[in-house]
Amino acid sequence: MLNPQQLLPQNQEYFRLNGSLTTPPCSEGVNWVVFKTPLDASQTQIEAMQKIIGQENNRPVQPINSRIVIEESK
C-alpha cells in the first residue's frame, strides 16, 4: 500500500495563491499550493502520468497580475 506522505519532500514549506485552471476554460477560483522544494519524478513516472492525463494539460505561464503569493513555513 502506498503511503502518500512518503511522496512529500522533507521540507514541506510552500507557497499558496489563488489562480486558475491550467486547461480550458482556464476558470479562476483555484487555490494553488506549490512546494518550495521540487519533487523528483523518473522518466517512467512521467510517461505513466502522460498516458493517464494526455500530453498537453497546461497553458503557457501567465502574468501574475494582481495575485498575492503567500509564503508558508513550518
PDB file of N, CA and C in Angstrom:
ATOM      1  N   MET A   1       0.854  -1.175   0.000  1.00  0.00           N
ATOM      2  CA  MET A   1       0.000   0.000   0.000  1.00  0.00           C
ATOM      3  C   MET A   1       0.902   1.241   0.000  1.00  0.00           C
ATOM      4  N   LEU A   2       0.592   2.191  -0.847  1.00  0.00           N
ATOM      5  CA  LEU A   2       1.358   3.434  -0.939  1.00  0.00           C
ATOM      6  C   LEU A   2       0.918   4.413   0.137  1.00  0.00           C
ATOM      7  N   ASN A   3       1.881   4.944   0.853  1.00  0.00           N
ATOM      8  CA  ASN A   3       1.614   5.989   1.838  1.00  0.00           C
ATOM      9  C   ASN A   3       1.897   7.331   1.161  1.00  0.00           C
ATOM     10  N   PRO A   4       0.882   8.141   0.849  1.00  0.00           N
ATOM     11  CA  PRO A   4       1.095   9.418   0.156  1.00  0.00           C
ATOM     12  C   PRO A   4       2.079  10.341   0.879  1.00  0.00           C
ATOM     13  N   GLN A   5       2.175  10.229   2.182  1.00  0.00           N
ATOM     14  CA  GLN A   5       3.102  11.064   2.956  1.00  0.00           C
ATOM     15  C   GLN A   5       4.545  10.837   2.493  1.00  0.00           C
ATOM     16  N   GLN A   6       4.847   9.625   2.014  1.00  0.00           N
ATOM     17  CA  GLN A   6       6.199   9.306   1.558  1.00  0.00           C
ATOM     18  C   GLN A   6       6.555  10.033   0.261  1.00  0.00           C
ATOM     19  N   LEU A   7       5.571  10.542  -0.452  1.00  0.00           N
ATOM     20  CA  LEU A   7       5.818  11.258  -1.703  1.00  0.00           C
ATOM     21  C   LEU A   7       6.188  12.720  -1.474  1.00  0.00           C
ATOM     22  N   LEU A   8       5.937  13.217  -0.278  1.00  0.00           N
ATOM     23  CA  LEU A   8       6.168  14.628   0.016  1.00  0.00           C
ATOM     24  C   LEU A   8       7.633  14.889   0.335  1.00  0.00           C
ATOM     25  N   PRO A   9       8.125  16.088  -0.002  1.00  0.00           N
ATOM     26  CA  PRO A   9       9.512  16.413   0.334  1.00  0.00           C
ATOM     27  C   PRO A   9       9.666  16.574   1.841  1.00  0.00           C
ATOM     28  N   GLN A  10      10.904  16.415   2.322  1.00  0.00           N
ATOM     29  CA  GLN A  10      11.142  16.606   3.755  1.00  0.00           C
ATOM     30  C   GLN A  10      10.869  18.052   4.147  1.00  0.00           C
ATOM     31  N   ASN A  11      11.299  18.987   3.310  1.00  0.00           N
ATOM     32  CA  ASN A  11      10.997  20.404   3.544  1.00  0.00           C
ATOM     33  C   ASN A  11       9.588  20.654   3.013  1.00  0.00           C
ATOM     34  N   GLN A  12       8.627  20.787   3.895  1.00  0.00           N
ATOM     35  CA  GLN A  12       7.243  20.955   3.465  1.00  0.00           C
ATOM     36  C   GLN A  12       6.799  22.414   3.484  1.00  0.00           C
ATOM     37  N   GLU A  13       7.751  23.340   3.356  1.00  0.00           N
ATOM     38  CA  GLU A  13       7.381  24.747   3.208  1.00  0.00           C
ATOM     39  C   GLU A  13       6.814  24.935   1.804  1.00  0.00           C
ATOM     40  N   TYR A  14       5.889  25.868   1.671  1.00  0.00           N
ATOM     41  CA  TYR A  14       5.215  26.025   0.389  1.00  0.00           C
ATOM     42  C   TYR A  14       4.739  27.459   0.180  1.00  0.00           C
ATOM     43  N   PHE A  15       4.328  27.718  -1.049  1.00  0.00           N
ATOM     44  CA  PHE A  15       3.678  28.964  -1.433  1.00  0.00           C
ATOM     45  C   PHE A  15       2.224  28.634  -1.731  1.00  0.00           C
ATOM     46  N   ARG A  16       1.339  29.607  -1.544  1.00  0.00           N
ATOM     47  CA  ARG A  16      -0.049  29.410  -1.964  1.00  0.00           C
ATOM     48  C   ARG A  16      -0.550  30.686  -2.621  1.00  0.00           C
ATOM     49  N   LEU A  17      -1.439  30.506  -3.565  1.00  0.00           N
ATOM     50  CA  LEU A  17      -2.018  31.644  -4.265  1.00  0.00           C
ATOM     51  C   LEU A  17      -3.334  31.232  -4.895  1.00  0.00           C
ATOM     52  N   ASN A  18      -4.168  32.208  -5.143  1.00  0.00           N
ATOM     53  CA  ASN A  18      -5.409  31.994  -5.883  1.00  0.00           C
ATOM     54  C   ASN A  18      -5.082  32.154  -7.355  1.00  0.00           C
ATOM     55  N   GLY A  19      -5.528  31.199  -8.161  1.00  0.00           N
ATOM     56  CA  GLY A  19      -5.218  31.242  -9.577  1.00  0.00           C
ATOM     57  C   GLY A  19      -6.355  30.692 -10.409  1.00  0.00           C
ATOM     58  N   SER A  20      -5.987  29.968 -11.464  1.00  0.00           N
ATOM     59  CA  SER A  20      -6.986  29.440 -12.388  1.00  0.00           C
ATOM     60  C   SER A  20      -6.590  28.039 -12.836  1.00  0.00           C
ATOM     61  N   LEU A  21      -7.521  27.384 -13.521  1.00  0.00           N
ATOM     62  CA  LEU A  21      -7.238  26.079 -14.110  1.00  0.00           C
ATOM     63  C   LEU A  21      -6.155  26.218 -15.170  1.00  0.00           C
ATOM     64  N   THR A  22      -5.404  25.138 -15.412  1.00  0.00           N
ATOM     65  CA  THR A  22      -4.344  25.179 -16.423  1.00  0.00           C
ATOM     66  C   THR A  22      -4.833  24.755 -17.799  1.00  0.00           C
ATOM     67  N   THR A  23      -6.077  24.305 -17.883  1.00  0.00           N
ATOM     68  CA  THR A  23      -6.646  23.881 -19.157  1.00  0.00           C
ATOM     69  C   THR A  23      -7.953  24.636 -19.401  1.00  0.00           C
ATOM     70  N   PRO A  24      -8.356  24.781 -20.673  1.00  0.00           N
ATOM     71  CA  PRO A  24      -9.604  25.488 -20.952  1.00  0.00           C
ATOM     72  C   PRO A  24     -10.758  24.892 -20.173  1.00  0.00           C
ATOM     73  N   PRO A  25     -11.603  25.704 -19.626  1.00  0.00           N
ATOM     74  CA  PRO A  25     -11.786  27.129 -19.869  1.00  0.00           C
ATOM     75  C   PRO A  25     -10.905  28.044 -19.019  1.00  0.00           C
ATOM     76  N   CYS A  26      -9.895  27.514 -18.328  1.00  0.00           N
ATOM     77  CA  CYS A  26      -8.960  28.323 -17.526  1.00  0.00           C
ATOM     78  C   CYS A  26      -9.690  29.184 -16.500  1.00  0.00           C
ATOM     79  N   SER A  27     -10.716  28.625 -15.902  1.00  0.00           N
ATOM     80  CA  SER A  27     -11.542  29.348 -14.927  1.00  0.00           C
ATOM     81  C   SER A  27     -10.744  29.729 -13.687  1.00  0.00           C
ATOM     82  N   GLU A  28     -11.083  30.888 -13.132  1.00  0.00           N
ATOM     83  CA  GLU A  28     -10.475  31.365 -11.886  1.00  0.00           C
ATOM     84  C   GLU A  28     -11.070  30.613 -10.701  1.00  0.00           C
ATOM     85  N   GLY A  29     -10.515  30.840  -9.525  1.00  0.00           N
ATOM     86  CA  GLY A  29     -11.059  30.266  -8.304  1.00  0.00           C
ATOM     87  C   GLY A  29     -10.344  29.010  -7.837  1.00  0.00           C
ATOM     88  N   VAL A  30      -9.138  28.763  -8.352  1.00  0.00           N
ATOM     89  CA  VAL A  30      -8.360  27.598  -7.938  1.00  0.00           C
ATOM     90  C   VAL A  30      -7.355  28.038  -6.876  1.00  0.00           C
ATOM     91  N   ASN A  31      -7.295  27.318  -5.773  1.00  0.00           N
ATOM     92  CA  ASN A  31      -6.310  27.593  -4.726  1.00  0.00           C
ATOM     93  C   ASN A  31      -5.106  26.689  -4.953  1.00  0.00           C
ATOM     94  N   TRP A  32      -3.987  27.278  -5.367  1.00  0.00           N
ATOM     95  CA  TRP A  32      -2.779  26.522  -5.669  1.00  0.00           C
ATOM     96  C   TRP A  32      -1.883  26.441  -4.448  1.00  0.00           C
ATOM     97  N   VAL A  33      -1.277  25.283  -4.250  1.00  0.00           N
ATOM     98  CA  VAL A  33      -0.257  25.062  -3.227  1.00  0.00           C
ATOM     99  C   VAL A  33       0.967  24.527  -3.970  1.00  0.00           C
ATOM    100  N   VAL A  34       2.099  25.224  -3.837  1.00  0.00           N
ATOM    101  CA  VAL A  34       3.315  24.862  -4.564  1.00  0.00           C
ATOM    102  C   VAL A  34       4.450  24.697  -3.559  1.00  0.00           C
ATOM    103  N   PHE A  35       5.019  23.502  -3.492  1.00  0.00           N
ATOM    104  CA  PHE A  35       6.139  23.272  -2.585  1.00  0.00           C
ATOM    105  C   PHE A  35       7.349  24.093  -3.009  1.00  0.00           C
ATOM    106  N   LYS A  36       8.102  24.593  -2.033  1.00  0.00           N
ATOM    107  CA  LYS A  36       9.347  25.300  -2.322  1.00  0.00           C
ATOM    108  C   LYS A  36      10.383  24.348  -2.909  1.00  0.00           C
ATOM    109  N   THR A  37      10.386  23.107  -2.421  1.00  0.00           N
ATOM    110  CA  THR A  37      11.329  22.099  -2.889  1.00  0.00           C
ATOM    111  C   THR A  37      10.668  21.284  -3.996  1.00  0.00           C
ATOM    112  N   PRO A  38      11.256  21.270  -5.198  1.00  0.00           N
ATOM    113  CA  PRO A  38      10.659  20.485  -6.282  1.00  0.00           C
ATOM    114  C   PRO A  38      10.640  18.996  -5.941  1.00  0.00           C
ATOM    115  N   LEU A  39       9.640  18.301  -6.455  1.00  0.00           N
ATOM    116  CA  LEU A  39       9.556  16.848  -6.303  1.00  0.00           C
ATOM    117  C   LEU A  39      10.212  16.198  -7.510  1.00  0.00           C
ATOM    118  N   ASP A  40      10.917  15.106  -7.297  1.00  0.00           N
ATOM    119  CA  ASP A  40      11.554  14.373  -8.387  1.00  0.00           C
ATOM    120  C   ASP A  40      10.586  13.344  -8.954  1.00  0.00           C
ATOM    121  N   ALA A  41      10.686  13.128 -10.256  1.00  0.00           N
ATOM    122  CA  ALA A  41       9.906  12.081 -10.920  1.00  0.00           C
ATOM    123  C   ALA A  41      10.793  11.453 -11.986  1.00  0.00           C
ATOM    124  N   SER A  42      10.768  10.141 -12.063  1.00  0.00           N
ATOM    125  CA  SER A  42      11.554   9.441 -13.079  1.00  0.00           C
ATOM    126  C   SER A  42      10.867   9.579 -14.442  1.00  0.00           C
ATOM    127  N   GLN A  43      11.604   9.291 -15.494  1.00  0.00           N
ATOM    128  CA  GLN A  43      11.028   9.331 -16.838  1.00  0.00           C
ATOM    129  C   GLN A  43       9.861   8.351 -16.941  1.00  0.00           C
ATOM    130  N   THR A  44       9.990   7.199 -16.307  1.00  0.00           N
ATOM    131  CA  THR A  44       8.917   6.198 -16.302  1.00  0.00           C
ATOM    132  C   THR A  44       7.663   6.744 -15.633  1.00  0.00           C
ATOM    133  N   GLN A  45       7.825   7.443 -14.509  1.00  0.00           N
ATOM    134  CA  GLN A  45       6.676   8.029 -13.812  1.00  0.00           C
ATOM    135  C   GLN A  45       6.010   9.103 -14.670  1.00  0.00           C
ATOM    136  N   ILE A  46       6.810   9.931 -15.316  1.00  0.00           N
ATOM    137  CA  ILE A  46       6.262  10.990 -16.175  1.00  0.00           C
ATOM    138  C   ILE A  46       5.486  10.378 -17.337  1.00  0.00           C
ATOM    139  N   GLU A  47       6.049   9.358 -17.963  1.00  0.00           N
ATOM    140  CA  GLU A  47       5.364   8.701 -19.079  1.00  0.00           C
ATOM    141  C   GLU A  47       4.059   8.048 -18.629  1.00  0.00           C
ATOM    142  N   ALA A  48       4.052   7.467 -17.435  1.00  0.00           N
ATOM    143  CA  ALA A  48       2.821   6.862 -16.911  1.00  0.00           C
ATOM    144  C   ALA A  48       1.750   7.928 -16.704  1.00  0.00           C
ATOM    145  N   MET A  49       2.131   9.079 -16.175  1.00  0.00           N
ATOM    146  CA  MET A  49       1.170  10.172 -15.979  1.00  0.00           C
ATOM    147  C   MET A  49       0.657  10.689 -17.319  1.00  0.00           C
ATOM    148  N   GLN A  50       1.545  10.792 -18.316  1.00  0.00           N
ATOM    149  CA  GLN A  50       1.125  11.268 -19.632  1.00  0.00           C
ATOM    150  C   GLN A  50       0.099  10.330 -20.258  1.00  0.00           C
ATOM    151  N   LYS A  51       0.232   9.031 -20.017  1.00  0.00           N
ATOM    152  CA  LYS A  51      -0.756   8.073 -20.531  1.00  0.00           C
ATOM    153  C   LYS A  51      -2.118   8.297 -19.885  1.00  0.00           C
ATOM    154  N   ILE A  52      -2.110   8.699 -18.616  1.00  0.00           N
ATOM    155  CA  ILE A  52      -3.363   8.903 -17.886  1.00  0.00           C
ATOM    156  C   ILE A  52      -4.020  10.227 -18.265  1.00  0.00           C
ATOM    157  N   ILE A  53      -3.235  11.317 -18.290  1.00  0.00           N
ATOM    158  CA  ILE A  53      -3.826  12.649 -18.475  1.00  0.00           C
ATOM    159  C   ILE A  53      -3.593  13.244 -19.852  1.00  0.00           C
ATOM    160  N   GLY A  54      -2.800  12.600 -20.691  1.00  0.00           N
ATOM    161  CA  GLY A  54      -2.530  13.129 -22.017  1.00  0.00           C
ATOM    162  C   GLY A  54      -1.283  14.002 -22.028  1.00  0.00           C
ATOM    163  N   GLN A  55      -0.883  14.392 -23.207  1.00  0.00           N
ATOM    164  CA  GLN A  55       0.357  15.149 -23.378  1.00  0.00           C
ATOM    165  C   GLN A  55       0.214  16.619 -22.994  1.00  0.00           C
ATOM    166  N   GLU A  56      -0.820  17.260 -23.473  1.00  0.00           N
ATOM    167  CA  GLU A  56      -0.979  18.707 -23.292  1.00  0.00           C
ATOM    168  C   GLU A  56      -2.013  18.990 -22.214  1.00  0.00           C
ATOM    169  N   ASN A  57      -1.569  19.304 -21.021  1.00  0.00           N
ATOM    170  CA  ASN A  57      -2.522  19.607 -19.952  1.00  0.00           C
ATOM    171  C   ASN A  57      -2.182  20.924 -19.264  1.00  0.00           C
ATOM    172  N   ASN A  58      -1.555  21.812 -19.998  1.00  0.00           N
ATOM    173  CA  ASN A  58      -1.224  23.108 -19.416  1.00  0.00           C
ATOM    174  C   ASN A  58      -1.237  24.177 -20.503  1.00  0.00           C
ATOM    175  N   ARG A  59      -1.176  25.410 -20.048  1.00  0.00           N
ATOM    176  CA  ARG A  59      -1.059  26.538 -20.972  1.00  0.00           C
ATOM    177  C   ARG A  59       0.230  27.271 -20.626  1.00  0.00           C
ATOM    178  N   PRO A  60       0.669  28.192 -21.477  1.00  0.00           N
ATOM    179  CA  PRO A  60       1.892  28.932 -21.166  1.00  0.00           C
ATOM    180  C   PRO A  60       1.764  29.673 -19.833  1.00  0.00           C
ATOM    181  N   VAL A  61       2.899  29.917 -19.210  1.00  0.00           N
ATOM    182  CA  VAL A  61       2.922  30.679 -17.957  1.00  0.00           C
ATOM    183  C   VAL A  61       2.283  32.037 -18.196  1.00  0.00           C
ATOM    184  N   GLN A  62       1.433  32.454 -17.269  1.00  0.00           N
ATOM    185  CA  GLN A  62       0.697  33.706 -17.381  1.00  0.00           C
ATOM    186  C   GLN A  62       1.281  34.751 -16.432  1.00  0.00           C
ATOM    187  N   PRO A  63       1.057  36.043 -16.727  1.00  0.00           N
ATOM    188  CA  PRO A  63       1.499  37.085 -15.793  1.00  0.00           C
ATOM    189  C   PRO A  63       0.816  36.911 -14.439  1.00  0.00           C
ATOM    190  N   ILE A  64       1.491  37.303 -13.371  1.00  0.00           N
ATOM    191  CA  ILE A  64       0.934  37.161 -12.026  1.00  0.00           C
ATOM    192  C   ILE A  64      -0.187  38.173 -11.784  1.00  0.00           C
ATOM    193  N   ASN A  65      -0.194  39.270 -12.560  1.00  0.00           N
ATOM    194  CA  ASN A  65      -1.193  40.333 -12.415  1.00  0.00           C
ATOM    195  C   ASN A  65      -1.270  40.780 -10.958  1.00  0.00           C
ATOM    196  N   SER A  66      -2.444  40.849 -10.390  1.00  0.00           N
ATOM    197  CA  SER A  66      -2.567  41.358  -9.016  1.00  0.00           C
ATOM    198  C   SER A  66      -2.644  40.232  -7.984  1.00  0.00           C
ATOM    199  N   ARG A  67      -2.290  39.018  -8.383  1.00  0.00           N
ATOM    200  CA  ARG A  67      -2.351  37.897  -7.437  1.00  0.00           C
ATOM    201  C   ARG A  67      -1.330  38.076  -6.316  1.00  0.00           C
ATOM    202  N   ILE A  68      -1.706  37.633  -5.141  1.00  0.00           N
ATOM    203  CA  ILE A  68      -0.821  37.691  -3.982  1.00  0.00           C
ATOM    204  C   ILE A  68      -0.316  36.280  -3.706  1.00  0.00           C
ATOM    205  N   VAL A  69       1.014  36.132  -3.646  1.00  0.00           N
ATOM    206  CA  VAL A  69       1.627  34.847  -3.324  1.00  0.00           C
ATOM    207  C   VAL A  69       2.001  34.873  -1.852  1.00  0.00           C
ATOM    208  N   ILE A  70       1.528  33.875  -1.108  1.00  0.00           N
ATOM    209  CA  ILE A  70       1.779  33.808   0.331  1.00  0.00           C
ATOM    210  C   ILE A  70       2.775  32.686   0.597  1.00  0.00           C
ATOM    211  N   GLU A  71       3.824  33.012   1.355  1.00  0.00           N
ATOM    212  CA  GLU A  71       4.841  32.025   1.713  1.00  0.00           C
ATOM    213  C   GLU A  71       4.490  31.415   3.063  1.00  0.00           C
ATOM    214  N   GLU A  72       4.410  30.094   3.099  1.00  0.00           N
ATOM    215  CA  GLU A  72       4.090  29.378   4.335  1.00  0.00           C
ATOM    216  C   GLU A  72       5.309  28.579   4.769  1.00  0.00           C
ATOM    217  N   SER A  73       5.607  28.581   6.049  1.00  0.00           N
ATOM    218  CA  SER A  73       6.713  27.773   6.553  1.00  0.00           C
ATOM    219  C   SER A  73       6.279  27.054   7.812  1.00  0.00           C
ATOM    220  N   LYS A  74       6.936  25.960   8.084  1.00  0.00           N
ATOM    221  CA  LYS A  74       6.596  25.154   9.266  1.00  0.00           C
ATOM    222  C   LYS A  74       7.636  25.350  10.334  1.00  0.00           C
TER     223      LYS A  74
END
